[in-house]
Structures are given as C-alpha cells and as structure tokens.
Amino acid sequence: MRNQLRVYLPTIWSRSHHGLRASMPILVLLLGLGGGRAFDLSSFETRLTEHRLANGLTFLIYERPEAPVVSFYTHVDVGAAQEVPGITGLAHMFEHMAFKGTTRIGTTNFAEEKIILDKVDRAYHALYQERFKTKPDTERLKALEKTWKEAQEEADRFIVKNEFGEILDREGAVGLNAGTGSDSTVYFYSLPANKLELWAYLESERFLNPVFREFYKERDVVMEERRMRTESQPIGRLIEQFVATAFTAHPYQQPVVGYMSDLMSFSREDAERFYRTYYVPGNMVIAVVGHVNAKEIIPILEKYFSRMPAGPTPPPVRTIEPKQTVERMVTMIDRSQPFYLEGYHKPAATHPDEAIYDAIADLLSNGRTARLYRSLVRDKKIAVQASAFPGFPGTKYPNCMVFYAVPTPGHTNEDVQKALRAEIERLRTEPVSDDELQMVKTRAKASLIRGLASNNGIAGALTEYQVRFGDWRELFRAVERIEKVSKEDILRVAQSTFVPSNRTVAMIVNEDAVSKAN
C-alpha cells in the first residue's frame, strides 16, 4: 500500500526506500520465511543472532540458507526530523555523500586531495560571507565564485569517480541503493555469500572514513532533484504546503529534500558536523540476512566494524507539536489535475493504539473490497483513486493519518470530500462488521508474508523494528496487538481523532475551472 502512495507523495523519500513501515499490521505466524515452514517467535529466534559491538553498533544476523546470497541493510536513526532551520536536506545530502568514497576509495592521492578540499572550503566560506552581506560587492562575488570553482576543478584531478559502486558491481552486487525519510536513512544491497568480508570492509569504511568529495556538485544534483520532485510537480508542492501547515512546530514540517535556500547555503563542514553527530555506532542497526553462519561471521564483523569509534548519544528532538485546535486549509490553484487530501494528528507508532489506526487504514484502503474504493471509485465513480494511511510523514513521533482522493473528470474536490467524510463518519458512528474486521486481519497476514518473502524484506523489517521499538521481537508481538483490535476500539479512535478541530485539508483546484466559475 505504501509504495502505491509514493506516486502521490514525492517529497517524502529520496531515491527508493525498501522495507516495512514500523506501524504496518503484523499478523499470524510468519509463513514462508524459511523453506515454506511456519515460524513463531521462538522458532525464528533459533535462526537469529543479535550481536552488539563494544562501540554500540547492533547486528541482527538471520540465517536463511535457501540460496548462496546475503542481503545487507544498514538503518541509521536519523532523517529530516533531526535537522534544524538552515541545514534542512543534510540527512539526504549525506546519503549521497556515502557513495562518494573514503580516504582509500575514490581517490588517487588522499593526502594531496585533502589539501585541495580544505582550499575549496576556504573559498566557499569567503564566497558565502560576501554573498550574505547587506550590500554584497558584485565584482568581488564574481571573483570569489571563480576562485571557488577553480579549486573544485583542482580537487577533481584526484577523484576516481563512482569507485565505491563499481567495486560492488564487479563483485556481483544487486540492488545497491539508499533512501532518506523523515525518521531514518537506510543503505542496502545484496552480494554473493562468499563476498561477505568485502561488504564488511566497504560498509564499515564508508561510515568510518567518508570523504565529502564533489560536495558542491552533488549539492547541485540535489537542488535539481528538488526542482523535479517538488517545484515542478503540483502534488509535490501541495504536499510540502500540507506538511508545513499540519505541523506548525515539530520538524516533521520540513521537507526531506530540504528547502532551496538551505541547499544553496549549507557547506561541506555543515555536513561533516551532521555526520559526526548522528552517524555514531550506537545510532545504527545492521541486518545481515541470507546464507550465513553467525558464529563464523561475527569475528569478521568485529574486525571491521569495531574500527568505528563510539560516540555520544545524539541529542533528542525537543519540540513537541502543540495540539491542533482549529481546522486548517491549503488551497492551491494550478493548471493540473484536482487532488484532495486531508490529515488528522495521531500518536507515534509506539503508541498502543497504532494497531487500531492500521486496521482503519486497511479497512478503508486495502483492495477492491475496501470502503473507499467501493464508494468513491466503483459505485459513485467520482474518484480514480482513494486511499488512507497512517504514519505521515514519519512514525517515530506523533504524526498524521492521511486520506486522499483524485477526482474523475467532471467531478470536484468537494464531491470527493463529501463522500470521503461520509465514510469517516461511518467509522465514528457504526461498528464495523465481524466479517470486515476478520478480513482486515486475514489480509494483514498475506501482506506480511509478501513483505518478508525475501532476504532484503526481512532485513528491512528487522532493522526498522529494532530501531523504532528497541527490540526486533516487536515484529512478532504486533500480532497480538492487531488480533486484539475490536469494533469498539475502532469507534473509540475514530471518534477521538477524526474531528474538524484536528483536521488539515489541502487541495489542488484546477485553474481553468476557477476561471470558468468566475
């Protein structure tokens, strides 16, 4: 379900993000995780080894010898929510930098390259200081920019471009990628089982000795990414405004890609400070899933990852979003497809009611029997798509449950709003049927099995739950929570959450339609 929604929510994730959302419904026994046999928690534990290094880095090793392949998933507990005004987009920016190499990879001579990189920094700071003066000197700006660009060109002489990725490609890596969200940054790929030590060296090296080479050129790439995903996409612009309106204080209001002014301003040194603060071993969890033997690989993990020095616990996010007391509205006039969105504040994924929100989302959105599909799409034919989901833009902190619909030609946002709110009101006033509730639980079982059918799916789920709940076993304990969801629970949560004073509405109104109306 969440992958489908990303078509309409382009500002949340950078690149692709594979894995299971922490608040995803988890049901019944885990089938298909090992040769088609059923697994409960106790049997799953026989295959999983949790190993924590002295520096605080946690490994989850799951032995699944069905094929000679191993998937690796590094989950860092940092995202856009850890940024502050002036450096928005840095979590995403470091994700890019993690592929640029180290003091040993991606360079022909790091000692000499380092001298020029320092020169680049000095030139940039001089340019920055002049640019932000009350009355900058135009001619001096041109001269400083020329000096800065020449220093970058000088640094380029030492770069072996894309060496990190090319090493992995030569050794048979598949799915090399990463993603940044509001709550996390993840790195993942798979390799033949006999390449595990190569992975251990490369993965530890890129977080031990990263070099922020080509930083300002890559910053330009991210700026273009923002133009493509947000500024040139009506729905991207709407989502950014929706989040900024729904969250007035909490950093969830900030776009993952960052604001353009910050992208144009932050420096390589800003990124290094961000890295040193959040990329400490105690803030990371790594899953190794596939054809491995835990006892055999732990010495390898110790050898390479123990090189990473322990660091202080990153500072917590201090700001708590104030309770919303009035309905908020965003209306964007644009020459594009109308689009309707409304969201309601809800607790974090760790709250006991999270399973209830998941059940509501499934009831409304999962499949062709879902209430929103049947009402808005199939029967009334007023929307080409309608859905709901919790956990926006993240799940670590109190977030929003979001409903959206795309009107069909000839229908308006008001049409879909009326129909959507009728379905929300049903949740607040009528108990769901026994059959519907059972279908929610049955579908969640199938969804889990599909999500954990691969090494990478297992690795992503394990790290997500370990980071978010402090214990990967919550992946199983969620079974009990979802099984206990009752009709009365759904009524209670719907009545307390889906009220006008807790609602933020955002919509795209077609420009031509507005002109005709006037």
Protein backbone atom coordinates (compact mmCIF):
# COMPACT_ATOMS: atom_id res chain seq x y z
CA MET A 1 0.00 0.00 0.00
CA ARG A 2 2.69 2.49 0.93
CA ASN A 3 4.61 2.02 -2.33
CA GLN A 4 1.41 2.89 -4.19
CA LEU A 5 1.03 6.09 -2.20
CA ARG A 6 4.53 7.29 -3.01
CA VAL A 7 3.32 8.00 -6.53
CA TYR A 8 1.37 10.86 -4.98
CA LEU A 9 3.75 11.80 -2.18
CA PRO A 10 7.04 12.58 -3.95
CA THR A 11 8.59 14.74 -1.24
CA ILE A 12 8.80 12.11 1.49
CA TRP A 13 11.54 9.82 0.31
CA SER A 14 14.74 10.42 -1.59
CA ARG A 15 15.65 7.72 -4.09
CA SER A 16 13.89 4.44 -3.27
CA HIS A 17 13.25 3.12 0.20
CA HIS A 18 12.65 -0.58 0.58
CA GLY A 19 11.36 -2.08 3.79
CA LEU A 20 8.34 -2.39 6.02
CA ARG A 21 6.85 0.57 7.84
CA ALA A 22 7.09 0.25 11.60
CA SER A 23 3.35 0.62 12.01
CA MET A 24 2.46 -1.93 9.35
CA PRO A 25 -0.06 -4.52 10.60
CA ILE A 26 1.66 -7.79 11.53
CA LEU A 27 -0.49 -10.86 11.84
CA VAL A 28 -0.47 -14.57 12.48
CA LEU A 29 2.56 -16.80 12.10
CA LEU A 30 5.39 -15.89 9.77
CA LEU A 31 4.98 -18.23 6.83
CA GLY A 32 7.44 -18.58 4.02
CA LEU A 33 10.47 -17.20 5.87
CA GLY A 34 12.42 -20.40 5.66
CA GLY A 35 11.66 -23.05 3.11
CA GLY A 36 7.88 -22.75 3.48
CA ARG A 37 7.79 -23.70 7.18
CA ALA A 38 5.79 -21.79 9.78
CA PHE A 39 7.65 -19.73 12.34
CA ASP A 40 6.61 -18.32 15.64
CA LEU A 41 8.87 -16.12 17.72
CA SER A 42 10.67 -18.99 19.44
CA SER A 43 11.49 -20.80 16.20
CA PHE A 44 12.50 -17.54 14.48
CA GLU A 45 14.92 -16.89 17.33
CA THR A 46 16.74 -20.14 16.60
CA ARG A 47 17.87 -18.62 13.30
CA LEU A 48 18.53 -15.08 14.50
CA THR A 49 21.57 -13.89 16.39
CA GLU A 50 21.74 -10.43 17.90
CA HIS A 51 25.29 -9.19 18.37
CA ARG A 52 26.26 -5.84 19.84
CA LEU A 53 29.77 -4.45 19.48
CA ALA A 54 31.54 -2.65 22.30
CA ASN A 55 31.12 0.63 20.39
CA GLY A 56 27.31 0.24 20.46
CA LEU A 57 26.65 -0.99 16.91
CA THR A 58 23.95 -3.68 16.81
CA PHE A 59 23.88 -6.53 14.29
CA LEU A 60 20.91 -8.76 13.56
CA ILE A 61 22.05 -11.91 11.76
CA TYR A 62 19.36 -14.15 10.29
CA GLU A 63 20.44 -17.47 8.82
CA ARG A 64 18.41 -18.28 5.73
CA PRO A 65 20.45 -20.67 3.57
CA GLU A 66 17.95 -21.09 0.73
CA ALA A 67 20.35 -19.52 -1.82
CA PRO A 68 24.04 -18.50 -1.73
CA VAL A 69 23.15 -14.83 -1.39
CA VAL A 70 23.27 -12.38 1.52
CA SER A 71 21.35 -9.12 1.89
CA PHE A 72 22.68 -6.26 3.98
CA TYR A 73 20.61 -3.44 5.43
CA THR A 74 22.07 -0.53 7.40
CA HIS A 75 19.49 1.56 9.25
CA VAL A 76 20.64 4.87 10.73
CA ASP A 77 18.27 6.55 13.18
CA VAL A 78 18.44 9.96 11.55
CA GLY A 79 16.33 11.76 8.99
CA ALA A 80 14.87 15.16 8.22
CA ALA A 81 13.35 15.34 11.71
CA GLN A 82 16.84 15.73 13.17
CA GLU A 83 17.55 18.82 11.09
CA VAL A 84 17.12 22.41 12.20
CA PRO A 85 16.42 25.56 10.17
CA GLY A 86 19.36 26.42 7.95
CA ILE A 87 20.50 22.86 7.30
CA THR A 88 17.34 21.17 6.01
CA GLY A 89 18.23 18.49 3.47
CA LEU A 90 21.51 17.47 5.15
CA ALA A 91 20.35 13.95 6.08
CA HIS A 92 19.54 13.36 2.43
CA MET A 93 22.76 15.04 1.38
CA PHE A 94 24.87 12.68 3.46
CA GLU A 95 23.07 9.75 1.87
CA HIS A 96 24.50 10.98 -1.44
CA MET A 97 27.93 11.50 0.10
CA ALA A 98 28.03 7.92 1.40
CA PHE A 99 28.55 6.76 -2.19
CA LYS A 100 31.41 9.16 -2.90
CA GLY A 101 34.16 7.06 -1.36
CA THR A 102 36.56 7.24 1.54
CA THR A 103 40.15 8.16 2.28
CA ARG A 104 41.10 4.92 0.47
CA ILE A 105 38.35 4.55 -2.12
CA GLY A 106 37.61 7.11 -4.81
CA THR A 107 40.94 8.92 -4.73
CA THR A 108 44.36 8.68 -6.34
CA ASN A 109 46.11 10.51 -3.51
CA PHE A 110 44.05 11.49 -0.49
CA ALA A 111 46.85 13.40 1.28
CA GLU A 112 47.06 15.83 -1.63
CA GLU A 113 43.31 15.77 -2.23
CA LYS A 114 42.70 16.78 1.39
CA ILE A 115 44.80 19.91 0.95
CA ILE A 116 42.70 20.96 -2.04
CA LEU A 117 39.41 20.11 -0.31
CA ASP A 118 40.39 22.45 2.51
CA LYS A 119 41.11 25.06 -0.13
CA VAL A 120 37.63 24.50 -1.59
CA ASP A 121 36.13 25.05 1.86
CA ARG A 122 38.02 28.28 2.43
CA ALA A 123 36.98 29.58 -0.98
CA TYR A 124 33.36 28.69 -0.33
CA HIS A 125 33.30 30.44 3.04
CA ALA A 126 34.73 33.59 1.52
CA LEU A 127 32.05 33.49 -1.19
CA TYR A 128 29.33 32.76 1.36
CA GLN A 129 30.32 35.66 3.59
CA GLU A 130 30.27 38.12 0.70
CA ARG A 131 27.02 36.78 -0.72
CA PHE A 132 25.12 37.34 2.52
CA LYS A 133 26.37 40.82 3.26
CA THR A 134 23.75 43.56 3.34
CA LYS A 135 25.31 45.08 0.22
CA PRO A 136 27.47 42.44 -1.50
CA ASP A 137 30.12 43.63 -3.94
CA THR A 138 29.09 42.24 -7.34
CA GLU A 139 32.59 42.20 -8.80
CA ARG A 140 34.05 40.61 -5.69
CA LEU A 141 31.33 37.96 -5.80
CA LYS A 142 32.31 37.06 -9.37
CA ALA A 143 35.98 36.81 -8.42
CA LEU A 144 35.26 34.69 -5.34
CA GLU A 145 33.00 32.35 -7.27
CA LYS A 146 35.69 31.92 -9.92
CA THR A 147 38.26 31.04 -7.25
CA TRP A 148 35.85 28.56 -5.66
CA LYS A 149 35.08 26.79 -8.94
CA GLU A 150 38.76 26.62 -9.86
CA ALA A 151 39.50 24.96 -6.51
CA GLN A 152 36.79 22.37 -7.20
CA GLU A 153 38.28 21.63 -10.59
CA GLU A 154 41.66 21.21 -8.96
CA ALA A 155 40.17 18.71 -6.48
CA ASP A 156 38.61 16.76 -9.34
CA ARG A 157 42.09 15.70 -10.51
CA PHE A 158 42.32 13.27 -7.60
CA ILE A 159 38.87 11.69 -7.91
CA VAL A 160 38.23 8.15 -9.12
CA LYS A 161 34.57 8.60 -9.93
CA ASN A 162 31.99 6.04 -8.75
CA GLU A 163 34.67 3.67 -7.48
CA PHE A 164 32.62 2.51 -4.48
CA GLY A 165 29.73 1.37 -6.67
CA GLU A 166 31.93 -0.05 -9.40
CA ILE A 167 33.76 -2.29 -6.93
CA LEU A 168 30.44 -3.74 -5.83
CA ASP A 169 29.17 -4.09 -9.39
CA ARG A 170 32.25 -6.12 -10.35
CA GLU A 171 31.68 -8.42 -7.39
CA GLY A 172 28.06 -9.17 -8.25
CA ALA A 173 26.15 -6.70 -6.05
CA VAL A 174 22.42 -6.36 -6.69
CA GLY A 175 20.06 -3.60 -5.59
CA LEU A 176 22.68 -1.11 -4.40
CA ASN A 177 20.60 1.81 -3.14
CA ALA A 178 19.66 4.01 -0.22
CA GLY A 179 16.80 6.16 0.99
CA THR A 180 16.17 9.05 3.33
CA GLY A 181 12.91 9.82 5.13
CA SER A 182 11.78 11.97 8.00
CA ASP A 183 12.86 9.35 10.54
CA SER A 184 15.67 7.34 9.01
CA THR A 185 18.38 6.87 6.43
CA VAL A 186 18.91 3.36 5.07
CA TYR A 187 21.52 1.69 2.87
CA PHE A 188 21.05 -1.74 1.32
CA TYR A 189 22.21 -4.22 -1.27
CA SER A 190 22.86 -7.93 -1.76
CA LEU A 191 26.01 -9.88 -2.63
CA PRO A 192 27.04 -13.49 -3.23
CA ALA A 193 27.59 -15.18 0.13
CA ASN A 194 31.34 -15.51 -0.44
CA LYS A 195 31.67 -11.71 -0.64
CA LEU A 196 30.62 -11.01 2.95
CA GLU A 197 34.05 -9.84 4.05
CA LEU A 198 34.20 -7.43 1.11
CA TRP A 199 30.88 -5.95 2.26
CA ALA A 200 32.12 -5.69 5.85
CA TYR A 201 35.17 -3.75 4.71
CA LEU A 202 33.32 -1.42 2.32
CA GLU A 203 30.34 -0.71 4.60
CA SER A 204 32.46 -0.03 7.66
CA GLU A 205 34.91 2.03 5.64
CA ARG A 206 32.29 4.36 4.19
CA PHE A 207 30.98 5.22 7.65
CA LEU A 208 34.41 5.28 9.30
CA ASN A 209 36.29 7.42 6.78
CA PRO A 210 33.81 9.17 4.46
CA VAL A 211 35.20 11.91 2.25
CA PHE A 212 32.74 14.57 1.21
CA ARG A 213 34.25 14.94 -2.23
CA GLU A 214 32.31 16.62 -5.03
CA PHE A 215 30.10 18.02 -2.26
CA TYR A 216 29.03 21.21 -4.02
CA LYS A 217 28.49 19.49 -7.36
CA GLU A 218 26.34 16.89 -5.64
CA ARG A 219 24.51 19.68 -3.86
CA ASP A 220 23.55 20.95 -7.32
CA VAL A 221 22.22 17.46 -8.10
CA VAL A 222 20.03 17.57 -5.00
CA MET A 223 18.80 21.03 -5.94
CA GLU A 224 17.75 19.67 -9.33
CA GLU A 225 16.08 16.76 -7.54
CA ARG A 226 14.05 19.26 -5.56
CA ARG A 227 13.07 21.11 -8.74
CA MET A 228 11.93 17.87 -10.38
CA ARG A 229 10.12 16.27 -7.42
CA THR A 230 8.65 19.30 -5.71
CA GLU A 231 8.81 22.58 -7.56
CA SER A 232 7.78 21.25 -10.97
CA GLN A 233 5.21 18.78 -9.56
CA PRO A 234 1.88 20.23 -8.40
CA ILE A 235 1.30 17.40 -5.94
CA GLY A 236 4.84 17.80 -4.65
CA ARG A 237 4.21 21.48 -3.95
CA LEU A 238 0.88 20.69 -2.32
CA ILE A 239 2.35 18.02 -0.04
CA GLU A 240 5.08 20.41 1.10
CA GLN A 241 2.46 23.01 1.98
CA PHE A 242 0.23 20.43 3.66
CA VAL A 243 3.02 19.26 5.96
CA ALA A 244 4.09 22.81 6.77
CA THR A 245 0.50 23.62 7.70
CA ALA A 246 -0.29 20.45 9.65
CA PHE A 247 2.91 20.74 11.71
CA THR A 248 3.50 24.24 13.00
CA ALA A 249 6.38 23.48 15.37
CA HIS A 250 7.71 19.92 15.05
CA PRO A 251 10.46 19.31 12.45
CA TYR A 252 8.12 16.96 10.58
CA GLN A 253 7.12 20.21 8.86
CA GLN A 254 10.45 20.19 6.98
CA PRO A 255 10.80 18.52 3.56
CA VAL A 256 13.25 15.64 3.35
CA VAL A 257 14.90 17.11 0.28
CA GLY A 258 15.35 20.43 2.12
CA TYR A 259 14.41 24.00 1.32
CA MET A 260 16.12 25.51 -1.70
CA SER A 261 17.72 28.33 0.30
CA ASP A 262 19.33 25.81 2.63
CA LEU A 263 20.55 23.68 -0.27
CA MET A 264 22.16 26.79 -1.72
CA SER A 265 23.84 27.66 1.56
CA PHE A 266 24.99 24.76 3.71
CA SER A 267 28.62 23.75 3.49
CA ARG A 268 30.73 20.61 3.43
CA GLU A 269 31.68 21.35 7.01
CA ASP A 270 27.98 21.52 7.98
CA ALA A 271 27.56 18.04 6.53
CA GLU A 272 30.60 16.71 8.38
CA ARG A 273 29.26 18.03 11.69
CA PHE A 274 25.89 16.39 10.99
CA TYR A 275 27.64 13.12 10.18
CA ARG A 276 29.76 13.19 13.34
CA THR A 277 26.67 13.82 15.45
CA TYR A 278 24.35 11.15 14.07
CA TYR A 279 26.48 8.50 12.37
CA VAL A 280 27.75 7.01 15.61
CA PRO A 281 27.63 3.20 16.07
CA GLY A 282 25.02 3.37 18.84
CA ASN A 283 22.65 5.11 16.41
CA MET A 284 22.90 2.36 13.79
CA VAL A 285 21.50 -1.15 13.33
CA ILE A 286 22.67 -3.50 10.60
CA ALA A 287 20.90 -6.67 9.44
CA VAL A 288 22.68 -9.50 7.64
CA VAL A 289 20.21 -11.98 6.15
CA GLY A 290 20.88 -14.98 3.95
CA HIS A 291 23.36 -17.81 3.51
CA VAL A 292 25.49 -17.08 6.58
CA ASN A 293 26.60 -18.71 9.80
CA ALA A 294 26.51 -16.27 12.71
CA LYS A 295 29.40 -17.86 14.61
CA GLU A 296 31.60 -17.69 11.52
CA ILE A 297 30.84 -14.10 10.54
CA ILE A 298 30.84 -12.40 13.96
CA PRO A 299 34.68 -12.29 14.03
CA ILE A 300 34.57 -10.58 10.62
CA LEU A 301 32.04 -8.03 11.85
CA GLU A 302 34.16 -7.39 14.93
CA LYS A 303 37.30 -6.98 12.83
CA TYR A 304 35.92 -4.28 10.55
CA PHE A 305 33.11 -2.51 12.39
CA SER A 306 34.93 -2.27 15.73
CA ARG A 307 37.16 0.26 13.98
CA MET A 308 34.31 2.76 14.22
CA PRO A 309 34.75 4.77 17.43
CA ALA A 310 31.90 5.02 19.90
CA GLY A 311 30.26 8.40 20.15
CA PRO A 312 27.83 10.25 22.40
CA THR A 313 24.12 9.61 22.04
CA PRO A 314 22.69 12.10 19.52
CA PRO A 315 20.53 14.85 21.01
CA PRO A 316 16.78 14.17 21.10
CA VAL A 317 14.22 16.20 19.19
CA ARG A 318 12.95 18.60 21.82
CA THR A 319 9.95 20.19 20.16
CA ILE A 320 6.55 18.59 20.65
CA GLU A 321 3.83 19.55 18.19
CA PRO A 322 1.13 21.53 20.05
CA LYS A 323 -2.36 20.10 20.00
CA GLN A 324 -4.27 21.32 16.95
CA THR A 325 -7.39 23.22 17.94
CA VAL A 326 -8.69 24.64 14.66
CA GLU A 327 -9.20 23.22 11.18
CA ARG A 328 -6.52 24.33 8.72
CA MET A 329 -6.83 24.69 4.95
CA VAL A 330 -4.45 24.83 1.99
CA THR A 331 -5.88 25.61 -1.45
CA MET A 332 -3.53 25.65 -4.41
CA ILE A 333 -4.76 26.98 -7.77
CA ASP A 334 -2.94 25.23 -10.57
CA ARG A 335 -3.46 24.14 -14.17
CA SER A 336 -3.37 20.47 -13.25
CA GLN A 337 -5.41 17.51 -12.10
CA PRO A 338 -7.50 18.28 -8.99
CA PHE A 339 -6.28 16.47 -5.90
CA TYR A 340 -7.79 16.25 -2.43
CA LEU A 341 -6.01 15.45 0.84
CA GLU A 342 -6.91 15.69 4.50
CA GLY A 343 -4.99 14.59 7.57
CA TYR A 344 -5.58 14.14 11.29
CA HIS A 345 -2.97 14.15 14.03
CA LYS A 346 -2.37 10.82 15.76
CA PRO A 347 0.19 9.29 18.15
CA ALA A 348 3.56 7.80 17.26
CA ALA A 349 3.93 4.20 16.06
CA THR A 350 4.94 3.08 19.54
CA HIS A 351 1.55 4.08 20.99
CA PRO A 352 -0.79 1.21 21.96
CA ASP A 353 -3.44 2.48 19.53
CA GLU A 354 -1.22 2.17 16.45
CA ALA A 355 -2.67 -1.22 15.54
CA ILE A 356 -6.14 0.35 15.53
CA TYR A 357 -5.07 3.04 13.06
CA ASP A 358 -3.57 0.33 10.87
CA ALA A 359 -6.83 -1.60 10.99
CA ILE A 360 -8.75 1.52 9.96
CA ALA A 361 -6.40 2.17 7.05
CA ASP A 362 -6.72 -1.42 5.87
CA LEU A 363 -10.49 -1.37 6.17
CA LEU A 364 -10.69 1.79 4.07
CA SER A 365 -7.94 1.18 1.54
CA ASN A 366 -6.77 -2.39 1.08
CA GLY A 367 -8.01 -3.93 -2.15
CA ARG A 368 -11.18 -3.71 -4.19
CA THR A 369 -13.38 -4.57 -1.22
CA ALA A 370 -12.07 -1.56 0.72
CA ARG A 371 -14.68 1.01 1.68
CA LEU A 372 -13.11 3.99 -0.10
CA TYR A 373 -12.63 2.07 -3.33
CA ARG A 374 -16.15 0.69 -3.32
CA SER A 375 -17.78 4.02 -2.52
CA LEU A 376 -15.74 6.65 -4.35
CA VAL A 377 -14.26 4.65 -7.23
CA ARG A 378 -16.55 1.72 -8.05
CA ASP A 379 -20.03 2.88 -7.09
CA LYS A 380 -20.10 6.67 -7.31
CA LYS A 381 -17.31 6.88 -9.89
CA ILE A 382 -16.25 10.27 -8.55
CA ALA A 383 -12.59 9.33 -7.96
CA VAL A 384 -9.97 7.43 -9.91
CA GLN A 385 -8.25 6.59 -6.65
CA ALA A 386 -8.99 7.00 -2.95
CA SER A 387 -6.98 5.76 -0.01
CA ALA A 388 -5.95 6.28 3.61
CA PHE A 389 -2.83 5.53 5.61
CA PRO A 390 -1.27 6.34 8.99
CA GLY A 391 2.30 7.42 9.61
CA PHE A 392 2.81 10.60 7.59
CA PRO A 393 5.40 11.98 7.18
CA GLY A 394 7.05 9.63 9.69
CA THR A 395 6.21 7.24 12.51
CA LYS A 396 8.79 7.89 15.22
CA TYR A 397 6.96 10.93 16.58
CA PRO A 398 3.25 11.84 16.66
CA ASN A 399 2.22 12.09 13.02
CA CYS A 400 -0.81 12.26 10.76
CA MET A 401 -3.30 9.79 9.38
CA VAL A 402 -3.94 10.93 5.83
CA PHE A 403 -6.86 10.42 3.43
CA TYR A 404 -6.64 11.36 -0.22
CA ALA A 405 -8.65 11.12 -3.42
CA VAL A 406 -8.17 12.03 -7.08
CA PRO A 407 -11.44 13.22 -8.67
CA THR A 408 -12.55 11.85 -12.01
CA PRO A 409 -13.17 14.27 -14.91
CA GLY A 410 -16.34 16.23 -14.29
CA HIS A 411 -16.11 15.87 -10.52
CA THR A 412 -14.64 18.19 -7.94
CA ASN A 413 -12.70 18.12 -4.72
CA GLU A 414 -15.94 18.95 -2.94
CA ASP A 415 -17.54 15.81 -4.39
CA VAL A 416 -14.81 13.52 -3.12
CA GLN A 417 -14.59 15.39 0.18
CA LYS A 418 -18.29 14.77 0.85
CA ALA A 419 -18.04 11.08 0.01
CA LEU A 420 -14.80 10.57 1.91
CA ARG A 421 -16.13 12.25 5.04
CA ALA A 422 -19.26 10.13 4.84
CA GLU A 423 -17.03 7.07 5.13
CA ILE A 424 -15.12 8.61 8.02
CA GLU A 425 -18.43 9.38 9.75
CA ARG A 426 -19.47 5.74 9.35
CA LEU A 427 -16.36 4.78 11.30
CA ARG A 428 -17.34 7.21 14.06
CA THR A 429 -20.96 6.09 14.34
CA GLU A 430 -21.33 2.50 13.11
CA PRO A 431 -19.43 -0.56 14.36
CA VAL A 432 -17.62 -2.39 11.58
CA SER A 433 -18.95 -5.83 10.81
CA ASP A 434 -17.38 -9.01 12.11
CA ASP A 435 -16.60 -10.07 8.55
CA GLU A 436 -14.85 -6.78 7.75
CA LEU A 437 -12.70 -6.94 10.85
CA GLN A 438 -11.74 -10.53 10.14
CA MET A 439 -10.84 -9.63 6.57
CA VAL A 440 -8.54 -6.88 7.86
CA LYS A 441 -6.67 -9.40 9.97
CA THR A 442 -6.53 -12.01 7.22
CA ARG A 443 -5.23 -9.52 4.65
CA ALA A 444 -2.54 -8.34 7.03
CA LYS A 445 -1.25 -11.90 7.25
CA ALA A 446 -0.90 -12.08 3.48
CA SER A 447 0.71 -8.64 3.36
CA LEU A 448 3.31 -9.66 5.91
CA ILE A 449 4.15 -12.87 4.08
CA ARG A 450 4.67 -10.97 0.84
CA GLY A 451 6.79 -8.33 2.55
CA LEU A 452 9.05 -10.89 4.24
CA ALA A 453 9.43 -13.23 1.30
CA SER A 454 12.96 -12.01 0.51
CA ASN A 455 16.22 -11.55 2.36
CA ASN A 456 16.00 -7.81 1.86
CA GLY A 457 12.43 -7.65 3.14
CA ILE A 458 13.39 -9.49 6.30
CA ALA A 459 16.47 -7.30 6.80
CA GLY A 460 14.46 -4.11 6.40
CA ALA A 461 11.75 -5.23 8.82
CA LEU A 462 14.22 -6.37 11.47
CA THR A 463 16.19 -3.13 11.47
CA GLU A 464 13.04 -1.00 11.40
CA TYR A 465 11.58 -2.66 14.47
CA GLN A 466 14.89 -2.79 16.31
CA VAL A 467 15.41 0.94 15.85
CA ARG A 468 11.84 2.07 16.42
CA PHE A 469 10.92 -0.21 19.33
CA GLY A 470 14.33 -1.17 20.68
CA ASP A 471 13.60 -4.84 20.05
CA TRP A 472 13.13 -6.63 16.75
CA ARG A 473 10.78 -9.07 18.52
CA GLU A 474 8.08 -6.40 18.34
CA LEU A 475 7.68 -7.61 14.78
CA PHE A 476 6.01 -10.67 16.30
CA ARG A 477 4.37 -9.05 19.30
CA ALA A 478 2.42 -6.84 16.96
CA VAL A 479 0.49 -9.99 16.04
CA GLU A 480 -1.17 -9.97 19.43
CA ARG A 481 -1.95 -6.26 19.21
CA ILE A 482 -3.68 -6.48 15.86
CA GLU A 483 -5.56 -9.62 16.88
CA LYS A 484 -6.97 -7.73 19.87
CA VAL A 485 -8.36 -4.82 17.83
CA SER A 486 -12.11 -4.70 18.38
CA LYS A 487 -15.04 -2.90 16.82
CA GLU A 488 -15.24 -0.79 19.96
CA ASP A 489 -11.57 0.19 19.58
CA ILE A 490 -12.20 1.46 16.06
CA LEU A 491 -15.20 3.50 17.20
CA ARG A 492 -13.23 5.00 20.09
CA VAL A 493 -10.22 6.01 17.99
CA ALA A 494 -12.35 7.33 15.13
CA GLN A 495 -14.47 9.44 17.46
CA SER A 496 -11.49 10.99 19.21
CA THR A 497 -9.30 11.52 16.14
CA PHE A 498 -11.47 12.37 13.15
CA VAL A 499 -12.86 15.69 14.34
CA PRO A 500 -12.77 19.05 12.48
CA SER A 501 -10.51 20.78 15.01
CA ASN A 502 -7.85 18.09 14.41
CA ARG A 503 -8.06 18.29 10.62
CA THR A 504 -5.81 19.82 7.97
CA VAL A 505 -7.13 19.95 4.39
CA ALA A 506 -5.09 20.52 1.24
CA MET A 507 -6.32 20.52 -2.33
CA ILE A 508 -5.35 21.40 -5.86
CA VAL A 509 -8.08 23.35 -7.62
CA ASN A 510 -7.87 23.41 -11.39
CA GLU A 511 -7.06 26.88 -12.66
CA ASP A 512 -9.32 26.62 -15.70
CA ALA A 513 -12.25 25.52 -13.55
CA VAL A 514 -11.77 28.56 -11.31
CA SER A 515 -11.71 30.88 -14.35
CA LYS A 516 -14.97 29.43 -15.68
CA ALA A 517 -16.61 29.74 -12.25
CA ASN A 518 -15.68 33.42 -12.14
